């Protein structure tokens, strides 16, 4: 993994943990991880994991 991708990969791993283990919304998790637009977060998450985040 290129060095520039490491922070994004870490955010996606954190998002996956939050989605699996909390009742928080996708929008709330996206905001916590620094995304201003939940749809951008969803697209990045899908690119890295192969699936869309779900509320």
PDB file of N, CA and C in Angstrom:
ATOM      1  N   UNK A   1       0.851  -1.173   0.000  1.00  0.00           N
ATOM      2  CA  UNK A   1       0.000   0.000   0.000  1.00  0.00           C
ATOM      3  C   UNK A   1       0.895   1.235   0.000  1.00  0.00           C
ATOM      4  N   UNK A   2       0.688   2.139  -0.947  1.00  0.00           N
ATOM      5  CA  UNK A   2       1.469   3.378  -0.969  1.00  0.00           C
ATOM      6  C   UNK A   2       1.239   4.190   0.308  1.00  0.00           C
ATOM      7  N   UNK A   3       2.256   4.930   0.703  1.00  0.00           N
ATOM      8  CA  UNK A   3       2.176   5.715   1.938  1.00  0.00           C
ATOM      9  C   UNK A   3       1.000   6.679   1.928  1.00  0.00           C
ATOM     10  N   UNK A   4       0.663   7.240   0.780  1.00  0.00           N
ATOM     11  CA  UNK A   4      -0.438   8.197   0.724  1.00  0.00           C
ATOM     12  C   UNK A   4      -1.786   7.553   0.980  1.00  0.00           C
ATOM     13  N   UNK A   5      -1.885   6.235   0.818  1.00  0.00           N
ATOM     14  CA  UNK A   5      -3.148   5.533   1.043  1.00  0.00           C
ATOM     15  C   UNK A   5      -3.323   5.057   2.486  1.00  0.00           C
ATOM     16  N   UNK A   6      -2.269   5.063   3.268  1.00  0.00           N
ATOM     17  CA  UNK A   6      -2.365   4.545   4.641  1.00  0.00           C
ATOM     18  C   UNK A   6      -3.389   5.262   5.506  1.00  0.00           C
ATOM     19  N   UNK A   7      -3.418   6.595   5.509  1.00  0.00           N
ATOM     20  CA  UNK A   7      -4.439   7.257   6.348  1.00  0.00           C
ATOM     21  C   UNK A   7      -5.862   6.903   5.917  1.00  0.00           C
ATOM     22  N   UNK A   8      -6.100   6.828   4.613  1.00  0.00           N
ATOM     23  CA  UNK A   8      -7.437   6.488   4.132  1.00  0.00           C
ATOM     24  C   UNK A   8      -7.797   5.062   4.534  1.00  0.00           C
ATOM     25  N   UNK A   9      -6.854   4.156   4.406  1.00  0.00           N
ATOM     26  CA  UNK A   9      -7.102   2.769   4.804  1.00  0.00           C
ATOM     27  C   UNK A   9      -7.428   2.663   6.285  1.00  0.00           C
ATOM     28  N   UNK A  10      -6.730   3.442   7.099  1.00  0.00           N
ATOM     29  CA  UNK A  10      -6.994   3.437   8.541  1.00  0.00           C
ATOM     30  C   UNK A  10      -8.387   3.978   8.832  1.00  0.00           C
ATOM     31  N   UNK A  11      -8.798   5.017   8.104  1.00  0.00           N
ATOM     32  CA  UNK A  11     -10.145   5.567   8.318  1.00  0.00           C
ATOM     33  C   UNK A  11     -11.215   4.570   7.896  1.00  0.00           C
ATOM     34  N   UNK A  12     -10.974   3.849   6.815  1.00  0.00           N
ATOM     35  CA  UNK A  12     -11.952   2.854   6.362  1.00  0.00           C
ATOM     36  C   UNK A  12     -12.046   1.711   7.371  1.00  0.00           C
ATOM     37  N   UNK A  13     -10.914   1.273   7.909  1.00  0.00           N
ATOM     38  CA  UNK A  13     -10.944   0.215   8.943  1.00  0.00           C
ATOM     39  C   UNK A  13     -11.701   0.688  10.179  1.00  0.00           C
ATOM     40  N   UNK A  14     -11.468   1.924  10.586  1.00  0.00           N
ATOM     41  CA  UNK A  14     -12.182   2.494  11.740  1.00  0.00           C
ATOM     42  C   UNK A  14     -13.685   2.582  11.437  1.00  0.00           C
ATOM     43  N   UNK A  15     -14.020   3.008  10.236  1.00  0.00           N
ATOM     44  CA  UNK A  15     -15.434   3.100   9.841  1.00  0.00           C
ATOM     45  C   UNK A  15     -16.095   1.730   9.899  1.00  0.00           C
ATOM     46  N   UNK A  16     -15.413   0.723   9.406  1.00  0.00           N
ATOM     47  CA  UNK A  16     -15.984  -0.628   9.424  1.00  0.00           C
ATOM     48  C   UNK A  16     -16.262  -1.078  10.856  1.00  0.00           C
ATOM     49  N   UNK A  17     -15.326  -0.830  11.755  1.00  0.00           N
ATOM     50  CA  UNK A  17     -15.539  -1.181  13.162  1.00  0.00           C
ATOM     51  C   UNK A  17     -16.744  -0.448  13.744  1.00  0.00           C
ATOM     52  N   UNK A  18     -16.849   0.848  13.461  1.00  0.00           N
ATOM     53  CA  UNK A  18     -17.966   1.630  13.984  1.00  0.00           C
ATOM     54  C   UNK A  18     -19.296   1.158  13.395  1.00  0.00           C
ATOM     55  N   UNK A  19     -19.312   0.860  12.104  1.00  0.00           N
ATOM     56  CA  UNK A  19     -20.552   0.398  11.465  1.00  0.00           C
ATOM     57  C   UNK A  19     -20.995  -0.955  12.014  1.00  0.00           C
ATOM     58  N   UNK A  20     -20.040  -1.825  12.281  1.00  0.00           N
ATOM     59  CA  UNK A  20     -20.370  -3.166  12.765  1.00  0.00           C
ATOM     60  C   UNK A  20     -20.734  -3.197  14.247  1.00  0.00           C
ATOM     61  N   UNK A  21     -20.187  -2.268  15.021  1.00  0.00           N
ATOM     62  CA  UNK A  21     -20.295  -2.376  16.474  1.00  0.00           C
ATOM     63  C   UNK A  21     -21.063  -1.266  17.169  1.00  0.00           C
ATOM     64  N   UNK A  22     -21.621  -0.338  16.397  1.00  0.00           N
ATOM     65  CA  UNK A  22     -22.395   0.738  17.012  1.00  0.00           C
ATOM     66  C   UNK A  22     -23.688   0.924  16.243  1.00  0.00           C
ATOM     67  N   UNK A  23     -24.565   1.737  16.792  1.00  0.00           N
ATOM     68  CA  UNK A  23     -25.823   2.077  16.131  1.00  0.00           C
ATOM     69  C   UNK A  23     -25.749   3.443  15.447  1.00  0.00           C
ATOM     70  N   UNK A  24     -24.544   3.948  15.280  1.00  0.00           N
ATOM     71  CA  UNK A  24     -24.375   5.278  14.689  1.00  0.00           C
ATOM     72  C   UNK A  24     -24.721   5.257  13.213  1.00  0.00           C
ATOM     73  N   UNK A  25     -25.116   6.402  12.694  1.00  0.00           N
ATOM     74  CA  UNK A  25     -25.478   6.515  11.281  1.00  0.00           C
ATOM     75  C   UNK A  25     -24.223   6.626  10.421  1.00  0.00           C
ATOM     76  N   UNK A  26     -24.395   6.334   9.150  1.00  0.00           N
ATOM     77  CA  UNK A  26     -23.305   6.485   8.195  1.00  0.00           C
ATOM     78  C   UNK A  26     -22.852   7.947   8.172  1.00  0.00           C
ATOM     79  N   UNK A  27     -23.795   8.876   8.171  1.00  0.00           N
ATOM     80  CA  UNK A  27     -23.457  10.299   8.150  1.00  0.00           C
ATOM     81  C   UNK A  27     -22.659  10.699   9.390  1.00  0.00           C
ATOM     82  N   UNK A  28     -23.037  10.185  10.549  1.00  0.00           N
ATOM     83  CA  UNK A  28     -22.313  10.492  11.778  1.00  0.00           C
ATOM     84  C   UNK A  28     -20.896   9.954  11.773  1.00  0.00           C
ATOM     85  N   UNK A  29     -20.740   8.743  11.285  1.00  0.00           N
ATOM     86  CA  UNK A  29     -19.411   8.140  11.210  1.00  0.00           C
ATOM     87  C   UNK A  29     -18.564   8.886  10.184  1.00  0.00           C
ATOM     88  N   UNK A  30     -19.157   9.220   9.054  1.00  0.00           N
ATOM     89  CA  UNK A  30     -18.428   9.980   8.033  1.00  0.00           C
ATOM     90  C   UNK A  30     -17.914  11.294   8.606  1.00  0.00           C
ATOM     91  N   UNK A  31     -18.765  12.008   9.325  1.00  0.00           N
ATOM     92  CA  UNK A  31     -18.363  13.291   9.917  1.00  0.00           C
ATOM     93  C   UNK A  31     -17.244  13.091  10.934  1.00  0.00           C
ATOM     94  N   UNK A  32     -17.350  12.061  11.761  1.00  0.00           N
ATOM     95  CA  UNK A  32     -16.308  11.802  12.762  1.00  0.00           C
ATOM     96  C   UNK A  32     -14.958  11.534  12.109  1.00  0.00           C
ATOM     97  N   UNK A  33     -14.991  10.902  10.955  1.00  0.00           N
ATOM     98  CA  UNK A  33     -13.754  10.545  10.271  1.00  0.00           C
ATOM     99  C   UNK A  33     -13.246  11.633   9.332  1.00  0.00           C
ATOM    100  N   UNK A  34     -13.924  12.791   9.326  1.00  0.00           N
ATOM    101  CA  UNK A  34     -13.420  13.931   8.591  1.00  0.00           C
ATOM    102  C   UNK A  34     -14.008  14.149   7.217  1.00  0.00           C
ATOM    103  N   UNK A  35     -15.033  13.389   6.860  1.00  0.00           N
ATOM    104  CA  UNK A  35     -15.689  13.579   5.562  1.00  0.00           C
ATOM    105  C   UNK A  35     -16.818  14.590   5.733  1.00  0.00           C
ATOM    106  N   UNK A  36     -16.847  15.593   4.864  1.00  0.00           N
ATOM    107  CA  UNK A  36     -17.907  16.596   4.944  1.00  0.00           C
ATOM    108  C   UNK A  36     -19.159  16.152   4.203  1.00  0.00           C
ATOM    109  N   UNK A  37     -19.009  15.170   3.319  1.00  0.00           N
ATOM    110  CA  UNK A  37     -20.130  14.687   2.522  1.00  0.00           C
ATOM    111  C   UNK A  37     -20.255  13.170   2.689  1.00  0.00           C
ATOM    112  N   UNK A  38     -21.363  12.696   3.257  1.00  0.00           N
ATOM    113  CA  UNK A  38     -21.528  11.251   3.452  1.00  0.00           C
ATOM    114  C   UNK A  38     -21.457  10.446   2.151  1.00  0.00           C
ATOM    115  N   UNK A  39     -21.850  11.027   1.035  1.00  0.00           N
ATOM    116  CA  UNK A  39     -21.785  10.276  -0.226  1.00  0.00           C
ATOM    117  C   UNK A  39     -20.335  10.053  -0.664  1.00  0.00           C
ATOM    118  N   UNK A  40     -19.470  11.011  -0.382  1.00  0.00           N
ATOM    119  CA  UNK A  40     -18.045  10.824  -0.673  1.00  0.00           C
ATOM    120  C   UNK A  40     -17.489   9.705   0.203  1.00  0.00           C
ATOM    121  N   UNK A  41     -17.833   9.737   1.473  1.00  0.00           N
ATOM    122  CA  UNK A  41     -17.409   8.671   2.378  1.00  0.00           C
ATOM    123  C   UNK A  41     -17.898   7.320   1.879  1.00  0.00           C
ATOM    124  N   UNK A  42     -19.149   7.234   1.465  1.00  0.00           N
ATOM    125  CA  UNK A  42     -19.713   5.975   0.982  1.00  0.00           C
ATOM    126  C   UNK A  42     -18.968   5.466  -0.241  1.00  0.00           C
ATOM    127  N   UNK A  43     -18.616   6.365  -1.143  1.00  0.00           N
ATOM    128  CA  UNK A  43     -17.880   5.969  -2.349  1.00  0.00           C
ATOM    129  C   UNK A  43     -16.484   5.456  -2.005  1.00  0.00           C
ATOM    130  N   UNK A  44     -15.802   6.133  -1.106  1.00  0.00           N
ATOM    131  CA  UNK A  44     -14.469   5.695  -0.683  1.00  0.00           C
ATOM    132  C   UNK A  44     -14.567   4.341   0.019  1.00  0.00           C
ATOM    133  N   UNK A  45     -15.532   4.208   0.903  1.00  0.00           N
ATOM    134  CA  UNK A  45     -15.729   2.953   1.635  1.00  0.00           C
ATOM    135  C   UNK A  45     -15.982   1.811   0.656  1.00  0.00           C
ATOM    136  N   UNK A  46     -16.820   2.046  -0.329  1.00  0.00           N
ATOM    137  CA  UNK A  46     -17.147   1.014  -1.322  1.00  0.00           C
ATOM    138  C   UNK A  46     -15.923   0.633  -2.151  1.00  0.00           C
ATOM    139  N   UNK A  47     -15.125   1.621  -2.516  1.00  0.00           N
ATOM    140  CA  UNK A  47     -13.908   1.334  -3.288  1.00  0.00           C
ATOM    141  C   UNK A  47     -12.949   0.445  -2.514  1.00  0.00           C
ATOM    142  N   UNK A  48     -12.810   0.694  -1.212  1.00  0.00           N
ATOM    143  CA  UNK A  48     -11.860  -0.045  -0.387  1.00  0.00           C
ATOM    144  C   UNK A  48     -12.383  -1.405   0.059  1.00  0.00           C
ATOM    145  N   UNK A  49     -13.685  -1.518   0.273  1.00  0.00           N
ATOM    146  CA  UNK A  49     -14.220  -2.756   0.850  1.00  0.00           C
ATOM    147  C   UNK A  49     -15.019  -3.598  -0.130  1.00  0.00           C
ATOM    148  N   UNK A  50     -15.461  -2.991  -1.217  1.00  0.00           N
ATOM    149  CA  UNK A  50     -16.292  -3.722  -2.165  1.00  0.00           C
ATOM    150  C   UNK A  50     -17.766  -3.745  -1.811  1.00  0.00           C
ATOM    151  N   UNK A  51     -18.141  -3.051  -0.749  1.00  0.00           N
ATOM    152  CA  UNK A  51     -19.559  -2.979  -0.379  1.00  0.00           C
ATOM    153  C   UNK A  51     -19.859  -1.581   0.147  1.00  0.00           C
ATOM    154  N   UNK A  52     -21.122  -1.219   0.098  1.00  0.00           N
ATOM    155  CA  UNK A  52     -21.563   0.093   0.562  1.00  0.00           C
ATOM    156  C   UNK A  52     -21.836   0.056   2.073  1.00  0.00           C
ATOM    157  N   UNK A  53     -21.537   1.147   2.761  1.00  0.00           N
ATOM    158  CA  UNK A  53     -21.933   1.204   4.173  1.00  0.00           C
ATOM    159  C   UNK A  53     -23.447   1.347   4.268  1.00  0.00           C
ATOM    160  N   UNK A  54     -24.010   0.839   5.314  1.00  0.00           N
ATOM    161  CA  UNK A  54     -25.467   0.912   5.489  1.00  0.00           C
ATOM    162  C   UNK A  54     -25.794   1.413   6.874  1.00  0.00           C
ATOM    163  N   UNK A  55     -26.868   2.191   6.957  1.00  0.00           N
ATOM    164  CA  UNK A  55     -27.359   2.653   8.257  1.00  0.00           C
ATOM    165  C   UNK A  55     -27.965   1.486   8.999  1.00  0.00           C
TER     166      UNK A  55
END
